[in-house]
Amino acid sequence: MDNFDLKKYLTEGRLLKEATVPNFKDGYEIIDYLDNIPEFEKYKNEDASYDDQYYLIPTDIFTKVTGWTEEDVKNIDDNLEPYMGTITWTNTNPNQYQENTVSVTGGA
């Protein structure tokens, strides 16, 4: 601990980063979290239920608002309970209408 440099730690944003990516146990917790972000309201599918897609948010807007990266999204998804929803980062794919988006689905 003698070599710990708080200024460097804060400059790299690691403290802020560690504090800003919450842990979620299922897709519904993510949906509840995103429901409280006004910038995402227009990206919500109000007709969604169960395992439907609740959100489809452009990645640039998602990152600007949350600060989360593609790696963060993958880590969140990897830690969700099995069959209890997903959060997925989709990069450019010319065969998909969902290119460059983050999608969130509910669970079974």
PDB file of N, CA and C in Angstrom:
ATOM      1  N   MET A   1       0.817  -1.191   0.000  1.00  0.00           N
ATOM      2  CA  MET A   1       0.000   0.000   0.000  1.00  0.00           C
ATOM      3  C   MET A   1       0.865   1.262   0.000  1.00  0.00           C
ATOM      4  N   ASP A   2       2.151   1.130   0.271  1.00  0.00           N
ATOM      5  CA  ASP A   2       3.032   2.287   0.289  1.00  0.00           C
ATOM      6  C   ASP A   2       3.138   2.949  -1.086  1.00  0.00           C
ATOM      7  N   ASN A   3       2.961   2.185  -2.151  1.00  0.00           N
ATOM      8  CA  ASN A   3       3.115   2.712  -3.505  1.00  0.00           C
ATOM      9  C   ASN A   3       1.785   3.157  -4.109  1.00  0.00           C
ATOM     10  N   PHE A   4       0.727   3.181  -3.355  1.00  0.00           N
ATOM     11  CA  PHE A   4      -0.591   3.563  -3.868  1.00  0.00           C
ATOM     12  C   PHE A   4      -0.611   5.057  -4.175  1.00  0.00           C
ATOM     13  N   ASP A   5      -1.009   5.402  -5.391  1.00  0.00           N
ATOM     14  CA  ASP A   5      -1.055   6.785  -5.844  1.00  0.00           C
ATOM     15  C   ASP A   5      -2.522   7.157  -6.086  1.00  0.00           C
ATOM     16  N   LEU A   6      -3.150   7.800  -5.104  1.00  0.00           N
ATOM     17  CA  LEU A   6      -4.565   8.153  -5.197  1.00  0.00           C
ATOM     18  C   LEU A   6      -4.830   9.065  -6.387  1.00  0.00           C
ATOM     19  N   LYS A   7      -3.960  10.030  -6.609  1.00  0.00           N
ATOM     20  CA  LYS A   7      -4.155  10.960  -7.727  1.00  0.00           C
ATOM     21  C   LYS A   7      -4.173  10.207  -9.057  1.00  0.00           C
ATOM     22  N   LYS A   8      -3.246   9.274  -9.251  1.00  0.00           N
ATOM     23  CA  LYS A   8      -3.214   8.480 -10.481  1.00  0.00           C
ATOM     24  C   LYS A   8      -4.469   7.614 -10.578  1.00  0.00           C
ATOM     25  N   TYR A   9      -4.876   7.019  -9.477  1.00  0.00           N
ATOM     26  CA  TYR A   9      -6.065   6.156  -9.431  1.00  0.00           C
ATOM     27  C   TYR A   9      -7.310   6.941  -9.847  1.00  0.00           C
ATOM     28  N   LEU A  10      -7.450   8.148  -9.326  1.00  0.00           N
ATOM     29  CA  LEU A  10      -8.601   8.977  -9.664  1.00  0.00           C
ATOM     30  C   LEU A  10      -8.516   9.507 -11.097  1.00  0.00           C
ATOM     31  N   THR A  11      -7.302   9.858 -11.531  1.00  0.00           N
ATOM     32  CA  THR A  11      -7.104  10.356 -12.893  1.00  0.00           C
ATOM     33  C   THR A  11      -7.476   9.295 -13.916  1.00  0.00           C
ATOM     34  N   GLU A  12      -7.144   8.062 -13.640  1.00  0.00           N
ATOM     35  CA  GLU A  12      -7.483   6.972 -14.558  1.00  0.00           C
ATOM     36  C   GLU A  12      -8.972   6.661 -14.526  1.00  0.00           C
ATOM     37  N   GLY A  13      -9.680   7.219 -13.570  1.00  0.00           N
ATOM     38  CA  GLY A  13     -11.120   7.018 -13.490  1.00  0.00           C
ATOM     39  C   GLY A  13     -11.528   5.679 -12.927  1.00  0.00           C
ATOM     40  N   ARG A  14     -10.609   4.954 -12.342  1.00  0.00           N
ATOM     41  CA  ARG A  14     -10.938   3.615 -11.863  1.00  0.00           C
ATOM     42  C   ARG A  14     -11.888   3.654 -10.685  1.00  0.00           C
ATOM     43  N   LEU A  15     -11.735   4.599  -9.807  1.00  0.00           N
ATOM     44  CA  LEU A  15     -12.637   4.687  -8.658  1.00  0.00           C
ATOM     45  C   LEU A  15     -14.050   4.999  -9.132  1.00  0.00           C
ATOM     46  N   LEU A  16     -14.171   5.978 -10.020  1.00  0.00           N
ATOM     47  CA  LEU A  16     -15.467   6.339 -10.557  1.00  0.00           C
ATOM     48  C   LEU A  16     -16.064   5.168 -11.332  1.00  0.00           C
ATOM     49  N   LYS A  17     -15.268   4.521 -12.149  1.00  0.00           N
ATOM     50  CA  LYS A  17     -15.722   3.403 -12.973  1.00  0.00           C
ATOM     51  C   LYS A  17     -16.242   2.267 -12.096  1.00  0.00           C
ATOM     52  N   GLU A  18     -15.505   1.912 -11.068  1.00  0.00           N
ATOM     53  CA  GLU A  18     -15.909   0.816 -10.201  1.00  0.00           C
ATOM     54  C   GLU A  18     -17.212   1.133  -9.482  1.00  0.00           C
ATOM     55  N   ALA A  19     -17.451   2.397  -9.235  1.00  0.00           N
ATOM     56  CA  ALA A  19     -18.645   2.791  -8.496  1.00  0.00           C
ATOM     57  C   ALA A  19     -19.862   2.982  -9.390  1.00  0.00           C
ATOM     58  N   THR A  20     -19.678   3.049 -10.718  1.00  0.00           N
ATOM     59  CA  THR A  20     -20.791   3.399 -11.582  1.00  0.00           C
ATOM     60  C   THR A  20     -21.406   2.231 -12.338  1.00  0.00           C
ATOM     61  N   VAL A  21     -20.849   1.034 -12.262  1.00  0.00           N
ATOM     62  CA  VAL A  21     -21.432  -0.119 -12.928  1.00  0.00           C
ATOM     63  C   VAL A  21     -22.035  -1.024 -11.853  1.00  0.00           C
ATOM     64  N   PRO A  22     -23.360  -0.928 -11.680  1.00  0.00           N
ATOM     65  CA  PRO A  22     -23.996  -1.717 -10.620  1.00  0.00           C
ATOM     66  C   PRO A  22     -24.029  -3.209 -10.952  1.00  0.00           C
ATOM     67  N   ASN A  23     -24.293  -4.002  -9.946  1.00  0.00           N
ATOM     68  CA  ASN A  23     -24.503  -5.435 -10.134  1.00  0.00           C
ATOM     69  C   ASN A  23     -25.995  -5.675 -10.259  1.00  0.00           C
ATOM     70  N   PHE A  24     -26.375  -6.484 -11.219  1.00  0.00           N
ATOM     71  CA  PHE A  24     -27.769  -6.839 -11.428  1.00  0.00           C
ATOM     72  C   PHE A  24     -27.897  -8.347 -11.365  1.00  0.00           C
ATOM     73  N   LYS A  25     -29.008  -8.837 -10.805  1.00  0.00           N
ATOM     74  CA  LYS A  25     -29.187 -10.292 -10.764  1.00  0.00           C
ATOM     75  C   LYS A  25     -30.031 -10.791 -11.937  1.00  0.00           C
ATOM     76  N   ASP A  26     -30.856  -9.907 -12.522  1.00  0.00           N
ATOM     77  CA  ASP A  26     -31.677 -10.331 -13.656  1.00  0.00           C
ATOM     78  C   ASP A  26     -32.013  -9.144 -14.554  1.00  0.00           C
ATOM     79  N   GLY A  27     -32.610  -9.453 -15.699  1.00  0.00           N
ATOM     80  CA  GLY A  27     -32.949  -8.426 -16.676  1.00  0.00           C
ATOM     81  C   GLY A  27     -33.915  -7.387 -16.141  1.00  0.00           C
ATOM     82  N   TYR A  28     -34.804  -7.806 -15.242  1.00  0.00           N
ATOM     83  CA  TYR A  28     -35.788  -6.862 -14.711  1.00  0.00           C
ATOM     84  C   TYR A  28     -35.139  -5.785 -13.845  1.00  0.00           C
ATOM     85  N   GLU A  29     -34.058  -6.124 -13.158  1.00  0.00           N
ATOM     86  CA  GLU A  29     -33.335  -5.101 -12.396  1.00  0.00           C
ATOM     87  C   GLU A  29     -32.694  -4.077 -13.340  1.00  0.00           C
ATOM     88  N   ILE A  30     -32.197  -4.549 -14.478  1.00  0.00           N
ATOM     89  CA  ILE A  30     -31.628  -3.627 -15.472  1.00  0.00           C
ATOM     90  C   ILE A  30     -32.730  -2.732 -16.026  1.00  0.00           C
ATOM     91  N   ILE A  31     -33.874  -3.328 -16.339  1.00  0.00           N
ATOM     92  CA  ILE A  31     -35.009  -2.564 -16.871  1.00  0.00           C
ATOM     93  C   ILE A  31     -35.445  -1.496 -15.868  1.00  0.00           C
ATOM     94  N   ASP A  32     -35.568  -1.870 -14.597  1.00  0.00           N
ATOM     95  CA  ASP A  32     -35.929  -0.893 -13.566  1.00  0.00           C
ATOM     96  C   ASP A  32     -34.910   0.240 -13.492  1.00  0.00           C
ATOM     97  N   TYR A  33     -33.635  -0.105 -13.595  1.00  0.00           N
ATOM     98  CA  TYR A  33     -32.567   0.891 -13.557  1.00  0.00           C
ATOM     99  C   TYR A  33     -32.696   1.854 -14.740  1.00  0.00           C
ATOM    100  N   LEU A  34     -32.877   1.296 -15.946  1.00  0.00           N
ATOM    101  CA  LEU A  34     -32.976   2.131 -17.152  1.00  0.00           C
ATOM    102  C   LEU A  34     -34.267   2.944 -17.173  1.00  0.00           C
ATOM    103  N   ASP A  35     -35.325   2.434 -16.548  1.00  0.00           N
ATOM    104  CA  ASP A  35     -36.589   3.170 -16.467  1.00  0.00           C
ATOM    105  C   ASP A  35     -36.422   4.514 -15.753  1.00  0.00           C
ATOM    106  N   ASN A  36     -35.408   4.624 -14.925  1.00  0.00           N
ATOM    107  CA  ASN A  36     -35.167   5.853 -14.171  1.00  0.00           C
ATOM    108  C   ASN A  36     -34.225   6.825 -14.875  1.00  0.00           C
ATOM    109  N   ILE A  37     -33.902   6.543 -16.132  1.00  0.00           N
ATOM    110  CA  ILE A  37     -33.024   7.417 -16.909  1.00  0.00           C
ATOM    111  C   ILE A  37     -33.866   8.047 -18.016  1.00  0.00           C
ATOM    112  N   PRO A  38     -34.218   9.316 -17.880  1.00  0.00           N
ATOM    113  CA  PRO A  38     -35.114   9.973 -18.842  1.00  0.00           C
ATOM    114  C   PRO A  38     -34.635   9.917 -20.293  1.00  0.00           C
ATOM    115  N   GLU A  39     -33.326   9.935 -20.517  1.00  0.00           N
ATOM    116  CA  GLU A  39     -32.799   9.908 -21.884  1.00  0.00           C
ATOM    117  C   GLU A  39     -33.145   8.616 -22.623  1.00  0.00           C
ATOM    118  N   PHE A  40     -33.499   7.565 -21.890  1.00  0.00           N
ATOM    119  CA  PHE A  40     -33.781   6.274 -22.515  1.00  0.00           C
ATOM    120  C   PHE A  40     -35.270   6.023 -22.735  1.00  0.00           C
ATOM    121  N   GLU A  41     -36.100   6.933 -22.281  1.00  0.00           N
ATOM    122  CA  GLU A  41     -37.549   6.731 -22.363  1.00  0.00           C
ATOM    123  C   GLU A  41     -38.021   6.439 -23.787  1.00  0.00           C
ATOM    124  N   LYS A  42     -37.479   7.145 -24.768  1.00  0.00           N
ATOM    125  CA  LYS A  42     -37.940   6.970 -26.150  1.00  0.00           C
ATOM    126  C   LYS A  42     -37.454   5.664 -26.773  1.00  0.00           C
ATOM    127  N   TYR A  43     -36.542   4.962 -26.108  1.00  0.00           N
ATOM    128  CA  TYR A  43     -36.022   3.693 -26.630  1.00  0.00           C
ATOM    129  C   TYR A  43     -36.700   2.482 -25.988  1.00  0.00           C
ATOM    130  N   LYS A  44     -37.684   2.724 -25.127  1.00  0.00           N
ATOM    131  CA  LYS A  44     -38.357   1.629 -24.429  1.00  0.00           C
ATOM    132  C   LYS A  44     -39.540   1.114 -25.243  1.00  0.00           C
ATOM    133  N   ASN A  45     -39.663  -0.200 -25.274  1.00  0.00           N
ATOM    134  CA  ASN A  45     -40.805  -0.864 -25.894  1.00  0.00           C
ATOM    135  C   ASN A  45     -41.870  -1.028 -24.814  1.00  0.00           C
ATOM    136  N   GLU A  46     -42.868  -0.175 -24.829  1.00  0.00           N
ATOM    137  CA  GLU A  46     -43.908  -0.182 -23.799  1.00  0.00           C
ATOM    138  C   GLU A  46     -44.792  -1.428 -23.850  1.00  0.00           C
ATOM    139  N   ASP A  47     -44.775  -2.142 -24.982  1.00  0.00           N
ATOM    140  CA  ASP A  47     -45.603  -3.331 -25.128  1.00  0.00           C
ATOM    141  C   ASP A  47     -44.883  -4.612 -24.718  1.00  0.00           C
ATOM    142  N   ALA A  48     -43.638  -4.497 -24.265  1.00  0.00           N
ATOM    143  CA  ALA A  48     -42.848  -5.682 -23.921  1.00  0.00           C
ATOM    144  C   ALA A  48     -43.362  -6.352 -22.655  1.00  0.00           C
ATOM    145  N   SER A  49     -43.211  -7.674 -22.619  1.00  0.00           N
ATOM    146  CA  SER A  49     -43.521  -8.452 -21.415  1.00  0.00           C
ATOM    147  C   SER A  49     -42.653  -9.710 -21.404  1.00  0.00           C
ATOM    148  N   TYR A  50     -42.468 -10.260 -20.237  1.00  0.00           N
ATOM    149  CA  TYR A  50     -41.666 -11.473 -20.029  1.00  0.00           C
ATOM    150  C   TYR A  50     -40.297 -11.363 -20.688  1.00  0.00           C
ATOM    151  N   ASP A  51     -40.033 -12.210 -21.695  1.00  0.00           N
ATOM    152  CA  ASP A  51     -38.697 -12.235 -22.288  1.00  0.00           C
ATOM    153  C   ASP A  51     -38.581 -11.411 -23.569  1.00  0.00           C
ATOM    154  N   ASP A  52     -39.474 -10.442 -23.742  1.00  0.00           N
ATOM    155  CA  ASP A  52     -39.401  -9.534 -24.886  1.00  0.00           C
ATOM    156  C   ASP A  52     -38.253  -8.549 -24.723  1.00  0.00           C
ATOM    157  N   GLN A  53     -37.962  -7.842 -25.810  1.00  0.00           N
ATOM    158  CA  GLN A  53     -36.953  -6.791 -25.782  1.00  0.00           C
ATOM    159  C   GLN A  53     -37.599  -5.508 -25.245  1.00  0.00           C
ATOM    160  N   TYR A  54     -37.142  -5.064 -24.081  1.00  0.00           N
ATOM    161  CA  TYR A  54     -37.687  -3.866 -23.442  1.00  0.00           C
ATOM    162  C   TYR A  54     -37.003  -2.595 -23.930  1.00  0.00           C
ATOM    163  N   TYR A  55     -35.724  -2.675 -24.185  1.00  0.00           N
ATOM    164  CA  TYR A  55     -34.956  -1.512 -24.631  1.00  0.00           C
ATOM    165  C   TYR A  55     -34.089  -1.868 -25.826  1.00  0.00           C
ATOM    166  N   LEU A  56     -33.950  -0.908 -26.746  1.00  0.00           N
ATOM    167  CA  LEU A  56     -33.011  -0.977 -27.857  1.00  0.00           C
ATOM    168  C   LEU A  56     -32.430   0.427 -27.996  1.00  0.00           C
ATOM    169  N   ILE A  57     -31.226   0.603 -27.458  1.00  0.00           N
ATOM    170  CA  ILE A  57     -30.616   1.927 -27.316  1.00  0.00           C
ATOM    171  C   ILE A  57     -29.346   1.996 -28.174  1.00  0.00           C
ATOM    172  N   PRO A  58     -29.176   3.048 -28.975  1.00  0.00           N
ATOM    173  CA  PRO A  58     -27.923   3.203 -29.724  1.00  0.00           C
ATOM    174  C   PRO A  58     -26.728   3.213 -28.766  1.00  0.00           C
ATOM    175  N   THR A  59     -25.657   2.509 -29.162  1.00  0.00           N
ATOM    176  CA  THR A  59     -24.500   2.370 -28.275  1.00  0.00           C
ATOM    177  C   THR A  59     -23.867   3.712 -27.909  1.00  0.00           C
ATOM    178  N   ASP A  60     -23.828   4.656 -28.844  1.00  0.00           N
ATOM    179  CA  ASP A  60     -23.196   5.936 -28.527  1.00  0.00           C
ATOM    180  C   ASP A  60     -23.973   6.686 -27.442  1.00  0.00           C
ATOM    181  N   ILE A  61     -25.280   6.642 -27.519  1.00  0.00           N
ATOM    182  CA  ILE A  61     -26.110   7.302 -26.498  1.00  0.00           C
ATOM    183  C   ILE A  61     -26.015   6.542 -25.175  1.00  0.00           C
ATOM    184  N   PHE A  62     -26.048   5.228 -25.246  1.00  0.00           N
ATOM    185  CA  PHE A  62     -25.956   4.399 -24.041  1.00  0.00           C
ATOM    186  C   PHE A  62     -24.666   4.697 -23.275  1.00  0.00           C
ATOM    187  N   THR A  63     -23.551   4.719 -23.990  1.00  0.00           N
ATOM    188  CA  THR A  63     -22.260   4.976 -23.346  1.00  0.00           C
ATOM    189  C   THR A  63     -22.168   6.405 -22.823  1.00  0.00           C
ATOM    190  N   LYS A  64     -22.685   7.356 -23.593  1.00  0.00           N
ATOM    191  CA  LYS A  64     -22.641   8.757 -23.156  1.00  0.00           C
ATOM    192  C   LYS A  64     -23.407   8.952 -21.848  1.00  0.00           C
ATOM    193  N   VAL A  65     -24.562   8.299 -21.726  1.00  0.00           N
ATOM    194  CA  VAL A  65     -25.400   8.485 -20.540  1.00  0.00           C
ATOM    195  C   VAL A  65     -24.918   7.651 -19.349  1.00  0.00           C
ATOM    196  N   THR A  66     -24.578   6.382 -19.580  1.00  0.00           N
ATOM    197  CA  THR A  66     -24.210   5.499 -18.464  1.00  0.00           C
ATOM    198  C   THR A  66     -22.718   5.474 -18.182  1.00  0.00           C
ATOM    199  N   GLY A  67     -21.913   5.710 -19.221  1.00  0.00           N
ATOM    200  CA  GLY A  67     -20.464   5.570 -19.077  1.00  0.00           C
ATOM    201  C   GLY A  67     -20.012   4.127 -19.223  1.00  0.00           C
ATOM    202  N   TRP A  68     -20.937   3.209 -19.468  1.00  0.00           N
ATOM    203  CA  TRP A  68     -20.598   1.792 -19.589  1.00  0.00           C
ATOM    204  C   TRP A  68     -20.072   1.484 -20.976  1.00  0.00           C
ATOM    205  N   THR A  69     -19.108   0.584 -21.031  1.00  0.00           N
ATOM    206  CA  THR A  69     -18.498   0.163 -22.288  1.00  0.00           C
ATOM    207  C   THR A  69     -19.068  -1.188 -22.730  1.00  0.00           C
ATOM    208  N   GLU A  70     -18.645  -1.622 -23.894  1.00  0.00           N
ATOM    209  CA  GLU A  70     -19.044  -2.947 -24.378  1.00  0.00           C
ATOM    210  C   GLU A  70     -18.613  -4.033 -23.389  1.00  0.00           C
ATOM    211  N   GLU A  71     -17.428  -3.889 -22.835  1.00  0.00           N
ATOM    212  CA  GLU A  71     -16.928  -4.850 -21.849  1.00  0.00           C
ATOM    213  C   GLU A  71     -17.800  -4.852 -20.590  1.00  0.00           C
ATOM    214  N   ASP A  72     -18.223  -3.674 -20.139  1.00  0.00           N
ATOM    215  CA  ASP A  72     -19.101  -3.590 -18.974  1.00  0.00           C
ATOM    216  C   ASP A  72     -20.411  -4.331 -19.222  1.00  0.00           C
ATOM    217  N   VAL A  73     -20.980  -4.118 -20.412  1.00  0.00           N
ATOM    218  CA  VAL A  73     -22.245  -4.768 -20.764  1.00  0.00           C
ATOM    219  C   VAL A  73     -22.071  -6.284 -20.779  1.00  0.00           C
ATOM    220  N   LYS A  74     -20.975  -6.759 -21.346  1.00  0.00           N
ATOM    221  CA  LYS A  74     -20.717  -8.201 -21.384  1.00  0.00           C
ATOM    222  C   LYS A  74     -20.578  -8.747 -19.966  1.00  0.00           C
ATOM    223  N   ASN A  75     -19.881  -8.039 -19.099  1.00  0.00           N
ATOM    224  CA  ASN A  75     -19.711  -8.489 -17.715  1.00  0.00           C
ATOM    225  C   ASN A  75     -21.045  -8.529 -16.976  1.00  0.00           C
ATOM    226  N   ILE A  76     -21.878  -7.522 -17.189  1.00  0.00           N
ATOM    227  CA  ILE A  76     -23.201  -7.516 -16.557  1.00  0.00           C
ATOM    228  C   ILE A  76     -23.994  -8.728 -17.034  1.00  0.00           C
ATOM    229  N   ASP A  77     -24.007  -8.942 -18.353  1.00  0.00           N
ATOM    230  CA  ASP A  77     -24.767 -10.060 -18.918  1.00  0.00           C
ATOM    231  C   ASP A  77     -24.247 -11.400 -18.396  1.00  0.00           C
ATOM    232  N   ASP A  78     -22.928 -11.540 -18.316  1.00  0.00           N
ATOM    233  CA  ASP A  78     -22.333 -12.792 -17.840  1.00  0.00           C
ATOM    234  C   ASP A  78     -22.721 -13.112 -16.397  1.00  0.00           C
ATOM    235  N   ASN A  79     -23.061 -12.079 -15.620  1.00  0.00           N
ATOM    236  CA  ASN A  79     -23.374 -12.293 -14.204  1.00  0.00           C
ATOM    237  C   ASN A  79     -24.868 -12.377 -13.898  1.00  0.00           C
ATOM    238  N   LEU A  80     -25.711 -12.312 -14.929  1.00  0.00           N
ATOM    239  CA  LEU A  80     -27.148 -12.453 -14.705  1.00  0.00           C
ATOM    240  C   LEU A  80     -27.495 -13.913 -14.440  1.00  0.00           C
ATOM    241  N   GLU A  81     -28.553 -14.129 -13.655  1.00  0.00           N
ATOM    242  CA  GLU A  81     -29.043 -15.479 -13.414  1.00  0.00           C
ATOM    243  C   GLU A  81     -29.442 -16.105 -14.754  1.00  0.00           C
ATOM    244  N   PRO A  82     -29.165 -17.389 -14.946  1.00  0.00           N
ATOM    245  CA  PRO A  82     -29.542 -18.054 -16.204  1.00  0.00           C
ATOM    246  C   PRO A  82     -31.041 -17.924 -16.486  1.00  0.00           C
ATOM    247  N   TYR A  83     -31.365 -17.646 -17.726  1.00  0.00           N
ATOM    248  CA  TYR A  83     -32.752 -17.530 -18.212  1.00  0.00           C
ATOM    249  C   TYR A  83     -33.522 -16.383 -17.574  1.00  0.00           C
ATOM    250  N   MET A  84     -32.806 -15.432 -17.007  1.00  0.00           N
ATOM    251  CA  MET A  84     -33.468 -14.319 -16.322  1.00  0.00           C
ATOM    252  C   MET A  84     -33.164 -12.988 -16.983  1.00  0.00           C
ATOM    253  N   GLY A  85     -33.115 -12.982 -18.318  1.00  0.00           N
ATOM    254  CA  GLY A  85     -32.910 -11.753 -19.059  1.00  0.00           C
ATOM    255  C   GLY A  85     -31.509 -11.617 -19.599  1.00  0.00           C
ATOM    256  N   THR A  86     -31.353 -10.618 -20.465  1.00  0.00           N
ATOM    257  CA  THR A  86     -30.051 -10.360 -21.078  1.00  0.00           C
ATOM    258  C   THR A  86     -29.861  -8.863 -21.285  1.00  0.00           C
ATOM    259  N   ILE A  87     -28.606  -8.494 -21.391  1.00  0.00           N
ATOM    260  CA  ILE A  87     -28.229  -7.185 -21.908  1.00  0.00           C
ATOM    261  C   ILE A  87     -27.142  -7.473 -22.930  1.00  0.00           C
ATOM    262  N   THR A  88     -27.336  -6.968 -24.148  1.00  0.00           N
ATOM    263  CA  THR A  88     -26.458  -7.333 -25.257  1.00  0.00           C
ATOM    264  C   THR A  88     -26.008  -6.100 -26.024  1.00  0.00           C
ATOM    265  N   TRP A  89     -24.725  -6.045 -26.285  1.00  0.00           N
ATOM    266  CA  TRP A  89     -24.129  -4.983 -27.105  1.00  0.00           C
ATOM    267  C   TRP A  89     -23.938  -5.554 -28.502  1.00  0.00           C
ATOM    268  N   THR A  90     -24.563  -4.951 -29.509  1.00  0.00           N
ATOM    269  CA  THR A  90     -24.461  -5.434 -30.888  1.00  0.00           C
ATOM    270  C   THR A  90     -23.726  -4.397 -31.723  1.00  0.00           C
ATOM    271  N   ASN A  91     -22.624  -4.837 -32.313  1.00  0.00           N
ATOM    272  CA  ASN A  91     -21.867  -3.947 -33.205  1.00  0.00           C
ATOM    273  C   ASN A  91     -22.431  -4.015 -34.617  1.00  0.00           C
ATOM    274  N   THR A  92     -21.810  -3.310 -35.519  1.00  0.00           N
ATOM    275  CA  THR A  92     -22.295  -3.228 -36.888  1.00  0.00           C
ATOM    276  C   THR A  92     -22.408  -4.615 -37.519  1.00  0.00           C
ATOM    277  N   ASN A  93     -23.587  -4.886 -38.021  1.00  0.00           N
ATOM    278  CA  ASN A  93     -23.859  -6.109 -38.762  1.00  0.00           C
ATOM    279  C   ASN A  93     -24.857  -5.723 -39.847  1.00  0.00           C
ATOM    280  N   PRO A  94     -24.447  -5.714 -41.103  1.00  0.00           N
ATOM    281  CA  PRO A  94     -25.332  -5.226 -42.171  1.00  0.00           C
ATOM    282  C   PRO A  94     -26.624  -6.029 -42.328  1.00  0.00           C
ATOM    283  N   ASN A  95     -26.690  -7.211 -41.749  1.00  0.00           N
ATOM    284  CA  ASN A  95     -27.883  -8.045 -41.872  1.00  0.00           C
ATOM    285  C   ASN A  95     -28.844  -7.871 -40.701  1.00  0.00           C
ATOM    286  N   GLN A  96     -28.557  -6.966 -39.801  1.00  0.00           N
ATOM    287  CA  GLN A  96     -29.418  -6.761 -38.641  1.00  0.00           C
ATOM    288  C   GLN A  96     -29.888  -5.317 -38.586  1.00  0.00           C
ATOM    289  N   TYR A  97     -31.116  -5.134 -38.148  1.00  0.00           N
ATOM    290  CA  TYR A  97     -31.616  -3.773 -37.942  1.00  0.00           C
ATOM    291  C   TYR A  97     -31.135  -3.218 -36.615  1.00  0.00           C
ATOM    292  N   GLN A  98     -30.533  -4.062 -35.799  1.00  0.00           N
ATOM    293  CA  GLN A  98     -30.114  -3.660 -34.455  1.00  0.00           C
ATOM    294  C   GLN A  98     -28.630  -3.327 -34.384  1.00  0.00           C
ATOM    295  N   GLU A  99     -28.053  -2.820 -35.442  1.00  0.00           N
ATOM    296  CA  GLU A  99     -26.622  -2.563 -35.402  1.00  0.00           C
ATOM    297  C   GLU A  99     -26.297  -1.388 -34.484  1.00  0.00           C
ATOM    298  N   ASN A 100     -25.167  -1.514 -33.808  1.00  0.00           N
ATOM    299  CA  ASN A 100     -24.681  -0.493 -32.874  1.00  0.00           C
ATOM    300  C   ASN A 100     -25.726  -0.142 -31.825  1.00  0.00           C
ATOM    301  N   THR A 101     -26.240  -1.166 -31.170  1.00  0.00           N
ATOM    302  CA  THR A 101     -27.247  -0.963 -30.139  1.00  0.00           C
ATOM    303  C   THR A 101     -26.961  -1.797 -28.903  1.00  0.00           C
ATOM    304  N   VAL A 102     -27.576  -1.389 -27.817  1.00  0.00           N
ATOM    305  CA  VAL A 102     -27.611  -2.187 -26.590  1.00  0.00           C
ATOM    306  C   VAL A 102     -29.066  -2.565 -26.406  1.00  0.00           C
ATOM    307  N   SER A 103     -29.308  -3.865 -26.266  1.00  0.00           N
ATOM    308  CA  SER A 103     -30.682  -4.322 -26.067  1.00  0.00           C
ATOM    309  C   SER A 103     -30.801  -4.996 -24.707  1.00  0.00           C
ATOM    310  N   VAL A 104     -31.976  -4.861 -24.099  1.00  0.00           N
ATOM    311  CA  VAL A 104     -32.244  -5.461 -22.797  1.00  0.00           C
ATOM    312  C   VAL A 104     -33.549  -6.233 -22.900  1.00  0.00           C
ATOM    313  N   THR A 105     -33.493  -7.498 -22.478  1.00  0.00           N
ATOM    314  CA  THR A 105     -34.694  -8.316 -22.453  1.00  0.00           C
ATOM    315  C   THR A 105     -35.014  -8.729 -21.020  1.00  0.00           C
ATOM    316  N   GLY A 106     -36.293  -8.995 -20.791  1.00  0.00           N
ATOM    317  CA  GLY A 106     -36.720  -9.505 -19.496  1.00  0.00           C
ATOM    318  C   GLY A 106     -36.389 -10.981 -19.398  1.00  0.00           C
ATOM    319  N   GLY A 107     -36.813 -11.606 -18.333  1.00  0.00           N
ATOM    320  CA  GLY A 107     -36.514 -13.020 -18.127  1.00  0.00           C
ATOM    321  C   GLY A 107     -37.741 -13.880 -18.279  1.00  0.00           C
ATOM    322  N   ALA A 108     -37.517 -15.170 -18.131  1.00  0.00           N
ATOM    323  CA  ALA A 108     -38.605 -16.141 -18.290  1.00  0.00           C
ATOM    324  C   ALA A 108     -39.603 -16.048 -17.151  1.00  0.00           C
TER     325      ALA A 108
END
